[in-house]
């Protein structure tokens, strides 16, 4: 599907949602065919993914990364297109009025993914090894709270956890470095 057809389809989809439920406010769509959401229902995207924003009320749209650095700003419009960039974590899309006050906010998560894509044996090996490390939990880690402190682990046996942590350091922030 080319870019113009994708934008048209997203505009029609957003228009259909607005007609069905009144004006839902800002809506954010990913340019990918498959969209993931995190536990909070937030859109999860990878760096350099195209994103489409509809229903932005106000004068300006500003996008900030997880370190609160502005990396995109434009006039609000029917459809605003931008590329996910900046520091990994929760990003904020804000619609601002003429006086600079925030009228609406929507958030998404930027999550870089480590992968090997050579369409050969190394991609298959990489996938097999990664799935082996995530055998106990689809997210790759689990958590336990003890005396008010949260501890993250990959495998509930110390030796396996240590070995798995060596591989998971490339995928999760909780691994030993």
C-alpha atoms as a PDB file:
ATOM      1  CA  UNK A   1       0.000   0.000   0.000  1.00  0.00           C
ATOM      2  CA  UNK A   2       1.554   3.289  -1.004  1.00  0.00           C
ATOM      3  CA  UNK A   3       1.812   6.273   1.322  1.00  0.00           C
ATOM      4  CA  UNK A   4      -1.061   8.302  -0.184  1.00  0.00           C
ATOM      5  CA  UNK A   5      -3.481   5.371   0.066  1.00  0.00           C
ATOM      6  CA  UNK A   6      -2.352   4.771   3.671  1.00  0.00           C
ATOM      7  CA  UNK A   7      -2.958   8.412   4.630  1.00  0.00           C
ATOM      8  CA  UNK A   8      -6.350   8.418   2.910  1.00  0.00           C
ATOM      9  CA  UNK A   9      -7.354   5.183   4.651  1.00  0.00           C
ATOM     10  CA  UNK A  10      -6.284   6.533   8.053  1.00  0.00           C
ATOM     11  CA  UNK A  11      -8.174   9.794   7.455  1.00  0.00           C
ATOM     12  CA  UNK A  12     -11.331   7.912   6.509  1.00  0.00           C
ATOM     13  CA  UNK A  13     -10.959   5.593   9.494  1.00  0.00           C
ATOM     14  CA  UNK A  14     -10.511   8.523  11.875  1.00  0.00           C
ATOM     15  CA  UNK A  15     -13.450  10.335  10.277  1.00  0.00           C
ATOM     16  CA  UNK A  16     -15.598   7.240  10.752  1.00  0.00           C
ATOM     17  CA  UNK A  17     -14.675   7.039  14.434  1.00  0.00           C
ATOM     18  CA  UNK A  18     -15.475  10.720  14.913  1.00  0.00           C
ATOM     19  CA  UNK A  19     -18.854  10.339  13.198  1.00  0.00           C
ATOM     20  CA  UNK A  20     -19.764   7.303  15.325  1.00  0.00           C
ATOM     21  CA  UNK A  21     -18.779   8.581  18.738  1.00  0.00           C
ATOM     22  CA  UNK A  22     -18.767  12.339  18.442  1.00  0.00           C
ATOM     23  CA  UNK A  23     -15.379  14.035  18.519  1.00  0.00           C
ATOM     24  CA  UNK A  24     -13.013  11.704  20.409  1.00  0.00           C
ATOM     25  CA  UNK A  25     -10.206  14.260  20.288  1.00  0.00           C
ATOM     26  CA  UNK A  26      -6.725  13.498  19.075  1.00  0.00           C
ATOM     27  CA  UNK A  27      -6.059  10.028  17.724  1.00  0.00           C
ATOM     28  CA  UNK A  28      -2.632   8.595  16.923  1.00  0.00           C
ATOM     29  CA  UNK A  29      -2.045   5.893  14.305  1.00  0.00           C
ATOM     30  CA  UNK A  30       1.065   3.956  13.361  1.00  0.00           C
ATOM     31  CA  UNK A  31       2.102   3.659   9.732  1.00  0.00           C
ATOM     32  CA  UNK A  32       2.830  -0.037  10.256  1.00  0.00           C
ATOM     33  CA  UNK A  33       0.305  -2.695   9.401  1.00  0.00           C
ATOM     34  CA  UNK A  34       0.564  -4.230  12.882  1.00  0.00           C
ATOM     35  CA  UNK A  35       0.185  -2.032  15.941  1.00  0.00           C
ATOM     36  CA  UNK A  36       1.190  -2.964  19.465  1.00  0.00           C
ATOM     37  CA  UNK A  37      -0.015  -1.435  22.695  1.00  0.00           C
ATOM     38  CA  UNK A  38       1.551  -1.609  26.137  1.00  0.00           C
ATOM     39  CA  UNK A  39      -0.192  -2.470  29.427  1.00  0.00           C
ATOM     40  CA  UNK A  40      -1.659   1.036  29.680  1.00  0.00           C
ATOM     41  CA  UNK A  41      -3.165   0.766  26.185  1.00  0.00           C
ATOM     42  CA  UNK A  42      -0.557   3.166  24.813  1.00  0.00           C
ATOM     43  CA  UNK A  43       0.647   2.776  21.230  1.00  0.00           C
ATOM     44  CA  UNK A  44       4.124   1.193  21.127  1.00  0.00           C
ATOM     45  CA  UNK A  45       6.322   2.085  18.150  1.00  0.00           C
ATOM     46  CA  UNK A  46       9.927   1.667  17.067  1.00  0.00           C
ATOM     47  CA  UNK A  47      12.315   4.500  16.168  1.00  0.00           C
ATOM     48  CA  UNK A  48      11.748   5.977  12.694  1.00  0.00           C
ATOM     49  CA  UNK A  49       8.194   4.594  12.443  1.00  0.00           C
ATOM     50  CA  UNK A  50       5.818   6.993  10.654  1.00  0.00           C
ATOM     51  CA  UNK A  51       2.982   8.246  12.887  1.00  0.00           C
ATOM     52  CA  UNK A  52      -0.264   9.954  11.902  1.00  0.00           C
ATOM     53  CA  UNK A  53      -2.182  12.298  14.209  1.00  0.00           C
ATOM     54  CA  UNK A  54      -5.796  13.269  13.547  1.00  0.00           C
ATOM     55  CA  UNK A  55      -8.194  15.544  15.387  1.00  0.00           C
ATOM     56  CA  UNK A  56      -5.578  17.920  16.810  1.00  0.00           C
ATOM     57  CA  UNK A  57      -7.512  20.956  18.039  1.00  0.00           C
ATOM     58  CA  UNK A  58      -5.474  24.100  18.458  1.00  0.00           C
ATOM     59  CA  UNK A  59      -2.791  26.096  16.718  1.00  0.00           C
ATOM     60  CA  UNK A  60       0.354  23.970  17.092  1.00  0.00           C
ATOM     61  CA  UNK A  61       1.305  20.323  17.610  1.00  0.00           C
ATOM     62  CA  UNK A  62       4.480  19.614  19.589  1.00  0.00           C
ATOM     63  CA  UNK A  63       6.075  16.188  20.134  1.00  0.00           C
ATOM     64  CA  UNK A  64       8.515  15.623  23.012  1.00  0.00           C
ATOM     65  CA  UNK A  65      10.632  12.558  23.746  1.00  0.00           C
ATOM     66  CA  UNK A  66      11.099  10.694  27.042  1.00  0.00           C
ATOM     67  CA  UNK A  67      13.686  13.276  28.173  1.00  0.00           C
ATOM     68  CA  UNK A  68      11.163  16.094  27.471  1.00  0.00           C
ATOM     69  CA  UNK A  69      13.138  17.313  24.438  1.00  0.00           C
ATOM     70  CA  UNK A  70      11.046  18.732  21.607  1.00  0.00           C
ATOM     71  CA  UNK A  71      11.806  16.982  18.317  1.00  0.00           C
ATOM     72  CA  UNK A  72       8.805  17.883  16.159  1.00  0.00           C
ATOM     73  CA  UNK A  73       6.589  20.948  15.900  1.00  0.00           C
ATOM     74  CA  UNK A  74       4.087  21.983  13.232  1.00  0.00           C
ATOM     75  CA  UNK A  75       0.772  23.713  12.709  1.00  0.00           C
ATOM     76  CA  UNK A  76      -2.237  21.653  13.761  1.00  0.00           C
ATOM     77  CA  UNK A  77      -4.210  20.241  10.872  1.00  0.00           C
ATOM     78  CA  UNK A  78      -6.620  17.513   9.834  1.00  0.00           C
ATOM     79  CA  UNK A  79      -3.757  15.058   9.484  1.00  0.00           C
ATOM     80  CA  UNK A  80      -0.302  15.594  10.978  1.00  0.00           C
ATOM     81  CA  UNK A  81       2.444  13.175   9.931  1.00  0.00           C
ATOM     82  CA  UNK A  82       5.710  12.794  11.819  1.00  0.00           C
ATOM     83  CA  UNK A  83       8.465  10.254  12.434  1.00  0.00           C
ATOM     84  CA  UNK A  84       9.013   8.708  15.870  1.00  0.00           C
ATOM     85  CA  UNK A  85      12.447   9.776  17.099  1.00  0.00           C
ATOM     86  CA  UNK A  86      14.273  10.944  20.208  1.00  0.00           C
ATOM     87  CA  UNK A  87      15.006   9.119  23.458  1.00  0.00           C
ATOM     88  CA  UNK A  88      13.307   5.786  24.155  1.00  0.00           C
ATOM     89  CA  UNK A  89      10.401   5.804  26.608  1.00  0.00           C
ATOM     90  CA  UNK A  90       7.076   7.624  26.883  1.00  0.00           C
ATOM     91  CA  UNK A  91       6.651  10.436  24.331  1.00  0.00           C
ATOM     92  CA  UNK A  92       4.091  13.235  24.573  1.00  0.00           C
ATOM     93  CA  UNK A  93       2.122  14.777  21.711  1.00  0.00           C
ATOM     94  CA  UNK A  94       0.577  18.112  22.756  1.00  0.00           C
ATOM     95  CA  UNK A  95      -1.905  20.342  20.951  1.00  0.00           C
ATOM     96  CA  UNK A  96      -1.374  24.003  21.876  1.00  0.00           C
ATOM     97  CA  UNK A  97      -3.718  26.964  21.426  1.00  0.00           C
ATOM     98  CA  UNK A  98      -2.689  30.452  20.222  1.00  0.00           C
ATOM     99  CA  UNK A  99      -1.688  31.483  23.760  1.00  0.00           C
ATOM    100  CA  UNK A 100       0.614  28.456  24.157  1.00  0.00           C
ATOM    101  CA  UNK A 101      -1.691  26.571  26.518  1.00  0.00           C
ATOM    102  CA  UNK A 102      -2.002  22.822  26.140  1.00  0.00           C
ATOM    103  CA  UNK A 103      -5.466  21.830  24.901  1.00  0.00           C
ATOM    104  CA  UNK A 104      -4.933  18.087  24.471  1.00  0.00           C
ATOM    105  CA  UNK A 105      -2.250  15.497  25.216  1.00  0.00           C
ATOM    106  CA  UNK A 106      -1.745  12.001  23.883  1.00  0.00           C
ATOM    107  CA  UNK A 107       1.164   9.700  24.739  1.00  0.00           C
ATOM    108  CA  UNK A 108       2.929   6.819  23.016  1.00  0.00           C
ATOM    109  CA  UNK A 109       5.884   4.603  23.868  1.00  0.00           C
ATOM    110  CA  UNK A 110       9.030   4.530  21.742  1.00  0.00           C
ATOM    111  CA  UNK A 111      10.670   1.152  22.227  1.00  0.00           C
ATOM    112  CA  UNK A 112      13.761   0.225  20.213  1.00  0.00           C
ATOM    113  CA  UNK A 113      14.006  -3.460  19.355  1.00  0.00           C
ATOM    114  CA  UNK A 114      17.237  -5.398  18.870  1.00  0.00           C
ATOM    115  CA  UNK A 115      16.976  -7.722  15.880  1.00  0.00           C
ATOM    116  CA  UNK A 116      18.880  -9.401  13.075  1.00  0.00           C
ATOM    117  CA  UNK A 117      17.138  -9.484   9.707  1.00  0.00           C
ATOM    118  CA  UNK A 118      19.211 -11.193   7.068  1.00  0.00           C
ATOM    119  CA  UNK A 119      16.451 -13.548   5.819  1.00  0.00           C
ATOM    120  CA  UNK A 120      18.770 -16.452   6.397  1.00  0.00           C
ATOM    121  CA  UNK A 121      20.083 -18.794   9.057  1.00  0.00           C
ATOM    122  CA  UNK A 122      21.299 -16.038  11.398  1.00  0.00           C
ATOM    123  CA  UNK A 123      17.832 -14.502  11.659  1.00  0.00           C
ATOM    124  CA  UNK A 124      16.388 -17.921  12.504  1.00  0.00           C
ATOM    125  CA  UNK A 125      19.137 -18.582  15.055  1.00  0.00           C
ATOM    126  CA  UNK A 126      18.671 -15.153  16.646  1.00  0.00           C
ATOM    127  CA  UNK A 127      14.901 -15.705  16.948  1.00  0.00           C
ATOM    128  CA  UNK A 128      15.397 -19.168  18.445  1.00  0.00           C
ATOM    129  CA  UNK A 129      17.869 -17.898  21.051  1.00  0.00           C
ATOM    130  CA  UNK A 130      15.682 -14.919  22.000  1.00  0.00           C
ATOM    131  CA  UNK A 131      12.586 -17.102  22.415  1.00  0.00           C
ATOM    132  CA  UNK A 132      14.645 -19.459  24.563  1.00  0.00           C
ATOM    133  CA  UNK A 133      15.449 -16.585  26.916  1.00  0.00           C
ATOM    134  CA  UNK A 134      11.758 -15.591  27.073  1.00  0.00           C
ATOM    135  CA  UNK A 135      10.460 -19.109  27.735  1.00  0.00           C
ATOM    136  CA  UNK A 136       9.243 -18.272  31.261  1.00  0.00           C
ATOM    137  CA  UNK A 137       7.535 -14.987  30.398  1.00  0.00           C
ATOM    138  CA  UNK A 138       6.571 -13.483  27.005  1.00  0.00           C
ATOM    139  CA  UNK A 139       7.959 -10.085  28.091  1.00  0.00           C
ATOM    140  CA  UNK A 140      11.255 -11.742  28.997  1.00  0.00           C
ATOM    141  CA  UNK A 141      11.209 -10.824  32.686  1.00  0.00           C
ATOM    142  CA  UNK A 142       9.058 -11.040  35.782  1.00  0.00           C
ATOM    143  CA  UNK A 143       8.877  -8.890  38.907  1.00  0.00           C
ATOM    144  CA  UNK A 144       8.387  -9.407  42.613  1.00  0.00           C
ATOM    145  CA  UNK A 145       7.900  -6.815  45.368  1.00  0.00           C
ATOM    146  CA  UNK A 146       9.727  -7.500  48.621  1.00  0.00           C
ATOM    147  CA  UNK A 147       9.591  -5.042  51.531  1.00  0.00           C
ATOM    148  CA  UNK A 148       8.379  -2.295  49.211  1.00  0.00           C
ATOM    149  CA  UNK A 149      11.159  -2.709  46.647  1.00  0.00           C
ATOM    150  CA  UNK A 150      10.562  -4.138  43.157  1.00  0.00           C
ATOM    151  CA  UNK A 151      12.989  -6.778  41.907  1.00  0.00           C
ATOM    152  CA  UNK A 152      13.073  -7.908  38.270  1.00  0.00           C
ATOM    153  CA  UNK A 153      14.356 -11.289  37.147  1.00  0.00           C
ATOM    154  CA  UNK A 154      14.414 -13.410  34.003  1.00  0.00           C
ATOM    155  CA  UNK A 155      14.456 -16.942  35.432  1.00  0.00           C
ATOM    156  CA  UNK A 156      13.582 -17.886  39.007  1.00  0.00           C
ATOM    157  CA  UNK A 157      16.715 -19.988  39.484  1.00  0.00           C
ATOM    158  CA  UNK A 158      19.896 -17.994  40.250  1.00  0.00           C
ATOM    159  CA  UNK A 159      22.323 -19.714  37.860  1.00  0.00           C
ATOM    160  CA  UNK A 160      19.899 -19.649  34.905  1.00  0.00           C
ATOM    161  CA  UNK A 161      18.967 -16.044  35.734  1.00  0.00           C
ATOM    162  CA  UNK A 162      22.648 -15.061  35.645  1.00  0.00           C
ATOM    163  CA  UNK A 163      23.250 -16.742  32.276  1.00  0.00           C
ATOM    164  CA  UNK A 164      20.006 -15.415  30.763  1.00  0.00           C
ATOM    165  CA  UNK A 165      20.848 -11.908  31.983  1.00  0.00           C
ATOM    166  CA  UNK A 166      23.994 -11.937  29.840  1.00  0.00           C
ATOM    167  CA  UNK A 167      21.850 -12.307  26.723  1.00  0.00           C
ATOM    168  CA  UNK A 168      18.956 -10.121  27.873  1.00  0.00           C
ATOM    169  CA  UNK A 169      21.218  -7.102  28.390  1.00  0.00           C
ATOM    170  CA  UNK A 170      20.571  -6.292  24.723  1.00  0.00           C
ATOM    171  CA  UNK A 171      16.784  -6.373  25.141  1.00  0.00           C
ATOM    172  CA  UNK A 172      15.801  -5.330  28.676  1.00  0.00           C
ATOM    173  CA  UNK A 173      16.953  -2.531  30.985  1.00  0.00           C
ATOM    174  CA  UNK A 174      16.909  -4.909  33.971  1.00  0.00           C
ATOM    175  CA  UNK A 175      19.801  -7.094  32.799  1.00  0.00           C
ATOM    176  CA  UNK A 176      23.235  -7.084  34.440  1.00  0.00           C
ATOM    177  CA  UNK A 177      25.730  -5.088  32.462  1.00  0.00           C
END
